């Protein structure tokens, strides 16, 4: 009888301890907003990707660009605002702050 009580007490205490810990392994990550600036090194022909400071960045289809997408050129100094996702950085807004000196 005493052995049963001790065993039951151990099981109940173990279950209580396990319930205190968050054992869920959620794959959902909150999106963090990323904002950085740099010089455009290159732009893909279809304006889907831009390379800024040696980082390849995806431009979303809903991205707000202060100029038209066709007006973006290399050597423009830009500020990018986007979200960091599993695929990398997805740009939501591009602002050209300085044009290259002619």
PDB file of N, CA and C in Angstrom:
ATOM      1  N   UNK A   1       0.813  -1.188   0.000  1.00  0.00           N
ATOM      2  CA  UNK A   1       0.000   0.000   0.000  1.00  0.00           C
ATOM      3  C   UNK A   1       0.868   1.268   0.000  1.00  0.00           C
ATOM      4  N   UNK A   2       1.887   1.248   0.815  1.00  0.00           N
ATOM      5  CA  UNK A   2       2.779   2.408   0.886  1.00  0.00           C
ATOM      6  C   UNK A   2       3.527   2.562  -0.437  1.00  0.00           C
ATOM      7  N   UNK A   3       3.908   1.446  -1.051  1.00  0.00           N
ATOM      8  CA  UNK A   3       4.605   1.493  -2.339  1.00  0.00           C
ATOM      9  C   UNK A   3       3.722   2.121  -3.414  1.00  0.00           C
ATOM     10  N   UNK A   4       2.434   1.812  -3.392  1.00  0.00           N
ATOM     11  CA  UNK A   4       1.500   2.405  -4.353  1.00  0.00           C
ATOM     12  C   UNK A   4       1.377   3.905  -4.154  1.00  0.00           C
ATOM     13  N   UNK A   5       1.290   4.346  -2.911  1.00  0.00           N
ATOM     14  CA  UNK A   5       1.160   5.779  -2.629  1.00  0.00           C
ATOM     15  C   UNK A   5       2.414   6.533  -3.078  1.00  0.00           C
ATOM     16  N   UNK A   6       3.578   5.937  -2.809  1.00  0.00           N
ATOM     17  CA  UNK A   6       4.823   6.583  -3.206  1.00  0.00           C
ATOM     18  C   UNK A   6       4.912   6.664  -4.735  1.00  0.00           C
ATOM     19  N   UNK A   7       4.566   5.570  -5.410  1.00  0.00           N
ATOM     20  CA  UNK A   7       4.598   5.548  -6.877  1.00  0.00           C
ATOM     21  C   UNK A   7       3.611   6.547  -7.461  1.00  0.00           C
ATOM     22  N   UNK A   8       2.403   6.583  -6.912  1.00  0.00           N
ATOM     23  CA  UNK A   8       1.385   7.521  -7.394  1.00  0.00           C
ATOM     24  C   UNK A   8       1.827   8.964  -7.152  1.00  0.00           C
ATOM     25  N   UNK A   9       2.423   9.227  -6.023  1.00  0.00           N
ATOM     26  CA  UNK A   9       2.912  10.575  -5.714  1.00  0.00           C
ATOM     27  C   UNK A   9       4.012  10.988  -6.689  1.00  0.00           C
ATOM     28  N   UNK A  10       4.919  10.069  -7.005  1.00  0.00           N
ATOM     29  CA  UNK A  10       5.987  10.374  -7.951  1.00  0.00           C
ATOM     30  C   UNK A  10       5.427  10.675  -9.334  1.00  0.00           C
ATOM     31  N   UNK A  11       4.446   9.900  -9.746  1.00  0.00           N
ATOM     32  CA  UNK A  11       3.836  10.111 -11.057  1.00  0.00           C
ATOM     33  C   UNK A  11       3.126  11.461 -11.104  1.00  0.00           C
ATOM     34  N   UNK A  12       2.371  11.786 -10.057  1.00  0.00           N
ATOM     35  CA  UNK A  12       1.639  13.056 -10.022  1.00  0.00           C
ATOM     36  C   UNK A  12       2.612  14.231 -10.016  1.00  0.00           C
ATOM     37  N   UNK A  13       3.678  14.151  -9.239  1.00  0.00           N
ATOM     38  CA  UNK A  13       4.665  15.222  -9.191  1.00  0.00           C
ATOM     39  C   UNK A  13       5.360  15.359 -10.547  1.00  0.00           C
ATOM     40  N   UNK A  14       5.693  14.252 -11.179  1.00  0.00           N
ATOM     41  CA  UNK A  14       6.336  14.293 -12.495  1.00  0.00           C
ATOM     42  C   UNK A  14       5.429  14.932 -13.535  1.00  0.00           C
ATOM     43  N   UNK A  15       4.167  14.577 -13.529  1.00  0.00           N
ATOM     44  CA  UNK A  15       3.218  15.174 -14.475  1.00  0.00           C
ATOM     45  C   UNK A  15       3.053  16.672 -14.211  1.00  0.00           C
ATOM     46  N   UNK A  16       3.019  17.050 -12.957  1.00  0.00           N
ATOM     47  CA  UNK A  16       2.890  18.465 -12.625  1.00  0.00           C
ATOM     48  C   UNK A  16       4.098  19.252 -13.124  1.00  0.00           C
ATOM     49  N   UNK A  17       5.283  18.689 -12.949  1.00  0.00           N
ATOM     50  CA  UNK A  17       6.501  19.354 -13.430  1.00  0.00           C
ATOM     51  C   UNK A  17       6.478  19.472 -14.948  1.00  0.00           C
ATOM     52  N   UNK A  18       6.046  18.434 -15.651  1.00  0.00           N
ATOM     53  CA  UNK A  18       5.970  18.487 -17.117  1.00  0.00           C
ATOM     54  C   UNK A  18       4.957  19.524 -17.598  1.00  0.00           C
ATOM     55  N   UNK A  19       3.885  19.702 -16.830  1.00  0.00           N
ATOM     56  CA  UNK A  19       2.878  20.694 -17.226  1.00  0.00           C
ATOM     57  C   UNK A  19       3.386  22.124 -17.058  1.00  0.00           C
ATOM     58  N   UNK A  20       4.361  22.315 -16.213  1.00  0.00           N
ATOM     59  CA  UNK A  20       4.917  23.655 -16.023  1.00  0.00           C
ATOM     60  C   UNK A  20       5.740  24.115 -17.212  1.00  0.00           C
ATOM     61  N   UNK A  21       6.340  23.194 -17.945  1.00  0.00           N
ATOM     62  CA  UNK A  21       7.173  23.533 -19.094  1.00  0.00           C
ATOM     63  C   UNK A  21       6.331  23.630 -20.354  1.00  0.00           C
ATOM     64  N   UNK A  22       6.716  24.533 -21.237  1.00  0.00           N
ATOM     65  CA  UNK A  22       6.041  24.670 -22.526  1.00  0.00           C
ATOM     66  C   UNK A  22       6.683  23.678 -23.489  1.00  0.00           C
ATOM     67  N   UNK A  23       6.005  22.598 -23.745  1.00  0.00           N
ATOM     68  CA  UNK A  23       6.565  21.544 -24.583  1.00  0.00           C
ATOM     69  C   UNK A  23       6.148  21.662 -26.043  1.00  0.00           C
ATOM     70  N   UNK A  24       5.475  22.736 -26.390  1.00  0.00           N
ATOM     71  CA  UNK A  24       5.063  22.883 -27.790  1.00  0.00           C
ATOM     72  C   UNK A  24       6.239  23.354 -28.617  1.00  0.00           C
ATOM     73  N   UNK A  25       6.383  22.769 -29.777  1.00  0.00           N
ATOM     74  CA  UNK A  25       7.448  23.138 -30.699  1.00  0.00           C
ATOM     75  C   UNK A  25       6.794  23.795 -31.905  1.00  0.00           C
ATOM     76  N   UNK A  26       6.447  25.030 -31.750  1.00  0.00           N
ATOM     77  CA  UNK A  26       5.728  25.755 -32.782  1.00  0.00           C
ATOM     78  C   UNK A  26       6.681  26.161 -33.901  1.00  0.00           C
ATOM     79  N   UNK A  27       6.221  26.024 -35.145  1.00  0.00           N
ATOM     80  CA  UNK A  27       7.011  26.413 -36.299  1.00  0.00           C
ATOM     81  C   UNK A  27       6.684  27.836 -36.738  1.00  0.00           C
ATOM     82  N   UNK A  28       5.782  28.488 -36.045  1.00  0.00           N
ATOM     83  CA  UNK A  28       5.371  29.836 -36.426  1.00  0.00           C
ATOM     84  C   UNK A  28       6.327  30.835 -35.786  1.00  0.00           C
ATOM     85  N   UNK A  29       6.924  31.658 -36.629  1.00  0.00           N
ATOM     86  CA  UNK A  29       7.806  32.707 -36.141  1.00  0.00           C
ATOM     87  C   UNK A  29       7.150  34.045 -36.407  1.00  0.00           C
ATOM     88  N   UNK A  30       7.286  34.925 -35.461  1.00  0.00           N
ATOM     89  CA  UNK A  30       6.756  36.260 -35.707  1.00  0.00           C
ATOM     90  C   UNK A  30       7.707  36.984 -36.663  1.00  0.00           C
ATOM     91  N   UNK A  31       7.133  37.744 -37.545  1.00  0.00           N
ATOM     92  CA  UNK A  31       7.954  38.476 -38.508  1.00  0.00           C
ATOM     93  C   UNK A  31       8.553  39.690 -37.829  1.00  0.00           C
ATOM     94  N   UNK A  32       9.820  39.862 -37.994  1.00  0.00           N
ATOM     95  CA  UNK A  32      10.484  41.027 -37.424  1.00  0.00           C
ATOM     96  C   UNK A  32      10.765  42.018 -38.543  1.00  0.00           C
ATOM     97  N   UNK A  33      10.482  43.270 -38.279  1.00  0.00           N
ATOM     98  CA  UNK A  33      10.719  44.320 -39.266  1.00  0.00           C
ATOM     99  C   UNK A  33      12.201  44.658 -39.294  1.00  0.00           C
ATOM    100  N   UNK A  34      12.741  44.704 -40.488  1.00  0.00           N
ATOM    101  CA  UNK A  34      14.155  44.999 -40.687  1.00  0.00           C
ATOM    102  C   UNK A  34      14.258  46.284 -41.490  1.00  0.00           C
ATOM    103  N   UNK A  35      15.126  47.180 -41.063  1.00  0.00           N
ATOM    104  CA  UNK A  35      15.343  48.424 -41.788  1.00  0.00           C
ATOM    105  C   UNK A  35      16.845  48.651 -41.885  1.00  0.00           C
ATOM    106  N   UNK A  36      17.344  48.788 -43.095  1.00  0.00           N
ATOM    107  CA  UNK A  36      18.766  49.054 -43.277  1.00  0.00           C
ATOM    108  C   UNK A  36      18.973  49.832 -44.560  1.00  0.00           C
ATOM    109  N   UNK A  37      20.161  50.377 -44.694  1.00  0.00           N
ATOM    110  CA  UNK A  37      20.454  51.201 -45.860  1.00  0.00           C
ATOM    111  C   UNK A  37      21.745  50.733 -46.505  1.00  0.00           C
ATOM    112  N   UNK A  38      21.941  51.149 -47.736  1.00  0.00           N
ATOM    113  CA  UNK A  38      23.144  50.776 -48.453  1.00  0.00           C
ATOM    114  C   UNK A  38      23.077  51.199 -49.902  1.00  0.00           C
ATOM    115  N   UNK A  39      24.096  50.809 -50.637  1.00  0.00           N
ATOM    116  CA  UNK A  39      24.207  51.148 -52.050  1.00  0.00           C
ATOM    117  C   UNK A  39      23.804  49.927 -52.876  1.00  0.00           C
ATOM    118  N   UNK A  40      22.980  50.143 -53.879  1.00  0.00           N
ATOM    119  CA  UNK A  40      22.552  49.051 -54.755  1.00  0.00           C
ATOM    120  C   UNK A  40      23.741  48.616 -55.603  1.00  0.00           C
ATOM    121  N   UNK A  41      24.105  47.341 -55.499  1.00  0.00           N
ATOM    122  CA  UNK A  41      25.200  46.800 -56.318  1.00  0.00           C
ATOM    123  C   UNK A  41      24.685  46.338 -57.675  1.00  0.00           C
ATOM    124  N   UNK A  42      23.543  45.622 -57.669  1.00  0.00           N
ATOM    125  CA  UNK A  42      22.961  45.162 -58.934  1.00  0.00           C
ATOM    126  C   UNK A  42      21.473  44.892 -58.737  1.00  0.00           C
ATOM    127  N   UNK A  43      20.757  44.875 -59.866  1.00  0.00           N
ATOM    128  CA  UNK A  43      19.320  44.621 -59.866  1.00  0.00           C
ATOM    129  C   UNK A  43      19.040  43.565 -60.911  1.00  0.00           C
ATOM    130  N   UNK A  44      18.179  42.603 -60.596  1.00  0.00           N
ATOM    131  CA  UNK A  44      17.841  41.579 -61.581  1.00  0.00           C
ATOM    132  C   UNK A  44      17.013  42.203 -62.698  1.00  0.00           C
ATOM    133  N   UNK A  45      17.010  41.561 -63.844  1.00  0.00           N
ATOM    134  CA  UNK A  45      16.316  42.098 -65.015  1.00  0.00           C
ATOM    135  C   UNK A  45      14.825  42.239 -64.822  1.00  0.00           C
ATOM    136  N   UNK A  46      14.213  41.373 -64.031  1.00  0.00           N
ATOM    137  CA  UNK A  46      12.769  41.442 -63.812  1.00  0.00           C
ATOM    138  C   UNK A  46      12.400  42.184 -62.529  1.00  0.00           C
ATOM    139  N   UNK A  47      13.383  42.835 -61.895  1.00  0.00           N
ATOM    140  CA  UNK A  47      13.186  43.612 -60.677  1.00  0.00           C
ATOM    141  C   UNK A  47      12.584  42.786 -59.541  1.00  0.00           C
ATOM    142  N   UNK A  48      12.963  41.516 -59.459  1.00  0.00           N
ATOM    143  CA  UNK A  48      12.516  40.656 -58.358  1.00  0.00           C
ATOM    144  C   UNK A  48      13.540  40.641 -57.225  1.00  0.00           C
ATOM    145  N   UNK A  49      14.809  40.814 -57.574  1.00  0.00           N
ATOM    146  CA  UNK A  49      15.874  40.797 -56.583  1.00  0.00           C
ATOM    147  C   UNK A  49      16.745  42.028 -56.737  1.00  0.00           C
ATOM    148  N   UNK A  50      17.298  42.475 -55.625  1.00  0.00           N
ATOM    149  CA  UNK A  50      18.246  43.571 -55.630  1.00  0.00           C
ATOM    150  C   UNK A  50      19.383  43.180 -54.684  1.00  0.00           C
ATOM    151  N   UNK A  51      20.598  43.528 -55.047  1.00  0.00           N
ATOM    152  CA  UNK A  51      21.754  43.240 -54.203  1.00  0.00           C
ATOM    153  C   UNK A  51      22.207  44.552 -53.572  1.00  0.00           C
ATOM    154  N   UNK A  52      22.111  44.619 -52.249  1.00  0.00           N
ATOM    155  CA  UNK A  52      22.515  45.797 -51.488  1.00  0.00           C
ATOM    156  C   UNK A  52      23.516  45.343 -50.442  1.00  0.00           C
ATOM    157  N   UNK A  53      24.694  45.964 -50.447  1.00  0.00           N
ATOM    158  CA  UNK A  53      25.756  45.611 -49.491  1.00  0.00           C
ATOM    159  C   UNK A  53      26.065  44.115 -49.527  1.00  0.00           C
ATOM    160  N   UNK A  54      26.139  43.554 -50.718  1.00  0.00           N
ATOM    161  CA  UNK A  54      26.455  42.144 -50.955  1.00  0.00           C
ATOM    162  C   UNK A  54      25.429  41.188 -50.361  1.00  0.00           C
ATOM    163  N   UNK A  55      24.187  41.632 -50.179  1.00  0.00           N
ATOM    164  CA  UNK A  55      23.097  40.790 -49.694  1.00  0.00           C
ATOM    165  C   UNK A  55      22.018  40.752 -50.764  1.00  0.00           C
ATOM    166  N   UNK A  56      21.634  39.535 -51.189  1.00  0.00           N
ATOM    167  CA  UNK A  56      20.591  39.365 -52.193  1.00  0.00           C
ATOM    168  C   UNK A  56      19.233  39.471 -51.500  1.00  0.00           C
ATOM    169  N   UNK A  57      18.398  40.426 -51.922  1.00  0.00           N
ATOM    170  CA  UNK A  57      17.145  40.717 -51.247  1.00  0.00           C
ATOM    171  C   UNK A  57      15.995  40.598 -52.235  1.00  0.00           C
ATOM    172  N   UNK A  58      14.920  39.924 -51.806  1.00  0.00           N
ATOM    173  CA  UNK A  58      13.725  39.738 -52.624  1.00  0.00           C
ATOM    174  C   UNK A  58      12.823  40.956 -52.493  1.00  0.00           C
ATOM    175  N   UNK A  59      12.374  41.489 -53.621  1.00  0.00           N
ATOM    176  CA  UNK A  59      11.431  42.611 -53.625  1.00  0.00           C
ATOM    177  C   UNK A  59      10.035  42.037 -53.788  1.00  0.00           C
ATOM    178  N   UNK A  60       9.164  42.295 -52.814  1.00  0.00           N
ATOM    179  CA  UNK A  60       7.804  41.749 -52.887  1.00  0.00           C
ATOM    180  C   UNK A  60       7.011  42.461 -53.973  1.00  0.00           C
ATOM    181  N   UNK A  61       5.961  41.802 -54.451  1.00  0.00           N
ATOM    182  CA  UNK A  61       5.145  42.392 -55.516  1.00  0.00           C
ATOM    183  C   UNK A  61       4.360  43.596 -55.002  1.00  0.00           C
ATOM    184  N   UNK A  62       4.152  43.661 -53.690  1.00  0.00           N
ATOM    185  CA  UNK A  62       3.411  44.784 -53.113  1.00  0.00           C
ATOM    186  C   UNK A  62       4.336  45.842 -52.516  1.00  0.00           C
ATOM    187  N   UNK A  63       5.619  45.800 -52.875  1.00  0.00           N
ATOM    188  CA  UNK A  63       6.581  46.750 -52.323  1.00  0.00           C
ATOM    189  C   UNK A  63       6.288  48.159 -52.807  1.00  0.00           C
ATOM    190  N   UNK A  64       6.393  49.102 -51.885  1.00  0.00           N
ATOM    191  CA  UNK A  64       6.235  50.514 -52.262  1.00  0.00           C
ATOM    192  C   UNK A  64       7.612  51.053 -52.599  1.00  0.00           C
ATOM    193  N   UNK A  65       7.740  51.532 -53.816  1.00  0.00           N
ATOM    194  CA  UNK A  65       9.001  52.106 -54.275  1.00  0.00           C
ATOM    195  C   UNK A  65       8.737  53.566 -54.587  1.00  0.00           C
ATOM    196  N   UNK A  66       9.572  54.436 -54.017  1.00  0.00           N
ATOM    197  CA  UNK A  66       9.348  55.871 -54.210  1.00  0.00           C
ATOM    198  C   UNK A  66       9.453  56.229 -55.684  1.00  0.00           C
ATOM    199  N   UNK A  67      10.419  55.654 -56.389  1.00  0.00           N
ATOM    200  CA  UNK A  67      10.494  55.800 -57.844  1.00  0.00           C
ATOM    201  C   UNK A  67       9.802  54.607 -58.473  1.00  0.00           C
ATOM    202  N   UNK A  68       9.630  54.620 -59.773  1.00  0.00           N
ATOM    203  CA  UNK A  68       9.137  53.426 -60.453  1.00  0.00           C
ATOM    204  C   UNK A  68      10.211  52.355 -60.402  1.00  0.00           C
ATOM    205  N   UNK A  69       9.801  51.100 -60.460  1.00  0.00           N
ATOM    206  CA  UNK A  69      10.772  50.008 -60.398  1.00  0.00           C
ATOM    207  C   UNK A  69      11.784  50.119 -61.533  1.00  0.00           C
ATOM    208  N   UNK A  70      11.346  50.573 -62.687  1.00  0.00           N
ATOM    209  CA  UNK A  70      12.252  50.728 -63.819  1.00  0.00           C
ATOM    210  C   UNK A  70      13.276  51.830 -63.635  1.00  0.00           C
ATOM    211  N   UNK A  71      13.032  52.736 -62.687  1.00  0.00           N
ATOM    212  CA  UNK A  71      13.953  53.837 -62.438  1.00  0.00           C
ATOM    213  C   UNK A  71      15.061  53.470 -61.459  1.00  0.00           C
ATOM    214  N   UNK A  72      14.952  52.325 -60.781  1.00  0.00           N
ATOM    215  CA  UNK A  72      16.020  51.912 -59.873  1.00  0.00           C
ATOM    216  C   UNK A  72      17.253  51.522 -60.675  1.00  0.00           C
ATOM    217  N   UNK A  73      18.376  52.026 -60.264  1.00  0.00           N
ATOM    218  CA  UNK A  73      19.628  51.725 -60.959  1.00  0.00           C
ATOM    219  C   UNK A  73      20.703  51.417 -59.936  1.00  0.00           C
ATOM    220  N   UNK A  74      21.798  50.810 -60.407  1.00  0.00           N
ATOM    221  CA  UNK A  74      22.902  50.543 -59.496  1.00  0.00           C
ATOM    222  C   UNK A  74      23.523  51.849 -59.028  1.00  0.00           C
ATOM    223  N   UNK A  75      24.173  51.763 -57.906  1.00  0.00           N
ATOM    224  CA  UNK A  75      24.868  52.872 -57.248  1.00  0.00           C
ATOM    225  C   UNK A  75      23.925  53.874 -56.590  1.00  0.00           C
ATOM    226  N   UNK A  76      22.608  53.626 -56.590  1.00  0.00           N
ATOM    227  CA  UNK A  76      21.691  54.472 -55.829  1.00  0.00           C
ATOM    228  C   UNK A  76      21.838  54.117 -54.359  1.00  0.00           C
ATOM    229  N   UNK A  77      21.795  55.115 -53.502  1.00  0.00           N
ATOM    230  CA  UNK A  77      21.831  54.892 -52.063  1.00  0.00           C
ATOM    231  C   UNK A  77      20.380  54.778 -51.596  1.00  0.00           C
ATOM    232  N   UNK A  78      20.012  53.642 -51.024  1.00  0.00           N
ATOM    233  CA  UNK A  78      18.615  53.376 -50.680  1.00  0.00           C
ATOM    234  C   UNK A  78      18.477  52.983 -49.211  1.00  0.00           C
ATOM    235  N   UNK A  79      17.257  53.164 -48.704  1.00  0.00           N
ATOM    236  CA  UNK A  79      16.863  52.658 -47.395  1.00  0.00           C
ATOM    237  C   UNK A  79      15.786  51.619 -47.654  1.00  0.00           C
ATOM    238  N   UNK A  80      15.995  50.418 -47.142  1.00  0.00           N
ATOM    239  CA  UNK A  80      15.066  49.314 -47.350  1.00  0.00           C
ATOM    240  C   UNK A  80      14.358  48.987 -46.046  1.00  0.00           C
ATOM    241  N   UNK A  81      13.057  48.760 -46.149  1.00  0.00           N
ATOM    242  CA  UNK A  81      12.282  48.336 -44.991  1.00  0.00           C
ATOM    243  C   UNK A  81      11.527  47.085 -45.391  1.00  0.00           C
ATOM    244  N   UNK A  82      11.659  46.035 -44.606  1.00  0.00           N
ATOM    245  CA  UNK A  82      11.001  44.787 -44.948  1.00  0.00           C
ATOM    246  C   UNK A  82      10.852  43.888 -43.752  1.00  0.00           C
ATOM    247  N   UNK A  83      10.515  42.640 -44.026  1.00  0.00           N
ATOM    248  CA  UNK A  83      10.359  41.656 -42.966  1.00  0.00           C
ATOM    249  C   UNK A  83      11.327  40.506 -43.206  1.00  0.00           C
ATOM    250  N   UNK A  84      11.813  39.976 -42.124  1.00  0.00           N
ATOM    251  CA  UNK A  84      12.718  38.839 -42.204  1.00  0.00           C
ATOM    252  C   UNK A  84      11.879  37.577 -42.129  1.00  0.00           C
ATOM    253  N   UNK A  85      12.016  36.721 -43.126  1.00  0.00           N
ATOM    254  CA  UNK A  85      11.255  35.477 -43.157  1.00  0.00           C
ATOM    255  C   UNK A  85      12.222  34.309 -43.291  1.00  0.00           C
ATOM    256  N   UNK A  86      11.677  33.112 -43.414  1.00  0.00           N
ATOM    257  CA  UNK A  86      12.526  31.933 -43.546  1.00  0.00           C
ATOM    258  C   UNK A  86      13.322  31.954 -44.843  1.00  0.00           C
ATOM    259  N   UNK A  87      12.788  32.617 -45.882  1.00  0.00           N
ATOM    260  CA  UNK A  87      13.462  32.677 -47.174  1.00  0.00           C
ATOM    261  C   UNK A  87      14.502  33.787 -47.254  1.00  0.00           C
ATOM    262  N   UNK A  88      14.566  34.633 -46.270  1.00  0.00           N
ATOM    263  CA  UNK A  88      15.486  35.764 -46.277  1.00  0.00           C
ATOM    264  C   UNK A  88      14.737  37.034 -45.947  1.00  0.00           C
ATOM    265  N   UNK A  89      15.119  38.124 -46.573  1.00  0.00           N
ATOM    266  CA  UNK A  89      14.495  39.416 -46.315  1.00  0.00           C
ATOM    267  C   UNK A  89      13.565  39.747 -47.474  1.00  0.00           C
ATOM    268  N   UNK A  90      12.317  40.056 -47.146  1.00  0.00           N
ATOM    269  CA  UNK A  90      11.313  40.424 -48.139  1.00  0.00           C
ATOM    270  C   UNK A  90      11.053  41.921 -48.003  1.00  0.00           C
ATOM    271  N   UNK A  91      11.450  42.697 -49.003  1.00  0.00           N
ATOM    272  CA  UNK A  91      11.366  44.159 -48.935  1.00  0.00           C
ATOM    273  C   UNK A  91       9.929  44.604 -49.163  1.00  0.00           C
ATOM    274  N   UNK A  92       9.460  45.499 -48.288  1.00  0.00           N
ATOM    275  CA  UNK A  92       8.129  46.073 -48.421  1.00  0.00           C
ATOM    276  C   UNK A  92       8.184  47.524 -48.890  1.00  0.00           C
ATOM    277  N   UNK A  93       9.317  48.202 -48.628  1.00  0.00           N
ATOM    278  CA  UNK A  93       9.410  49.608 -49.000  1.00  0.00           C
ATOM    279  C   UNK A  93      10.857  49.936 -49.350  1.00  0.00           C
ATOM    280  N   UNK A  94      11.032  50.667 -50.466  1.00  0.00           N
ATOM    281  CA  UNK A  94      12.360  51.123 -50.898  1.00  0.00           C
ATOM    282  C   UNK A  94      12.299  52.633 -51.070  1.00  0.00           C
ATOM    283  N   UNK A  95      13.216  53.326 -50.403  1.00  0.00           N
ATOM    284  CA  UNK A  95      13.284  54.782 -50.528  1.00  0.00           C
ATOM    285  C   UNK A  95      14.684  55.139 -51.013  1.00  0.00           C
ATOM    286  N   UNK A  96      14.753  55.846 -52.134  1.00  0.00           N
ATOM    287  CA  UNK A  96      16.032  56.308 -52.644  1.00  0.00           C
ATOM    288  C   UNK A  96      16.367  57.601 -51.927  1.00  0.00           C
ATOM    289  N   UNK A  97      17.502  57.608 -51.213  1.00  0.00           N
ATOM    290  CA  UNK A  97      17.869  58.796 -50.439  1.00  0.00           C
ATOM    291  C   UNK A  97      18.909  59.660 -51.139  1.00  0.00           C
ATOM    292  N   UNK A  98      19.754  59.036 -51.948  1.00  0.00           N
ATOM    293  CA  UNK A  98      20.789  59.816 -52.627  1.00  0.00           C
ATOM    294  C   UNK A  98      21.084  59.189 -53.974  1.00  0.00           C
ATOM    295  N   UNK A  99      21.197  60.009 -54.984  1.00  0.00           N
ATOM    296  CA  UNK A  99      21.540  59.539 -56.319  1.00  0.00           C
ATOM    297  C   UNK A  99      23.043  59.588 -56.474  1.00  0.00           C
ATOM    298  N   UNK A 100      23.617  58.774 -57.348  1.00  0.00           N
ATOM    299  CA  UNK A 100      25.072  58.806 -57.532  1.00  0.00           C
ATOM    300  C   UNK A 100      25.513  60.128 -58.139  1.00  0.00           C
ATOM    301  N   UNK A 101      26.698  60.535 -57.741  1.00  0.00           N
ATOM    302  CA  UNK A 101      27.254  61.792 -58.293  1.00  0.00           C
ATOM    303  C   UNK A 101      27.612  61.590 -59.748  1.00  0.00           C
ATOM    304  N   UNK A 102      27.309  62.578 -60.561  1.00  0.00           N
ATOM    305  CA  UNK A 102      27.567  62.466 -62.009  1.00  0.00           C
ATOM    306  C   UNK A 102      28.857  63.143 -62.343  1.00  0.00           C
TER     307      UNK A 102
END
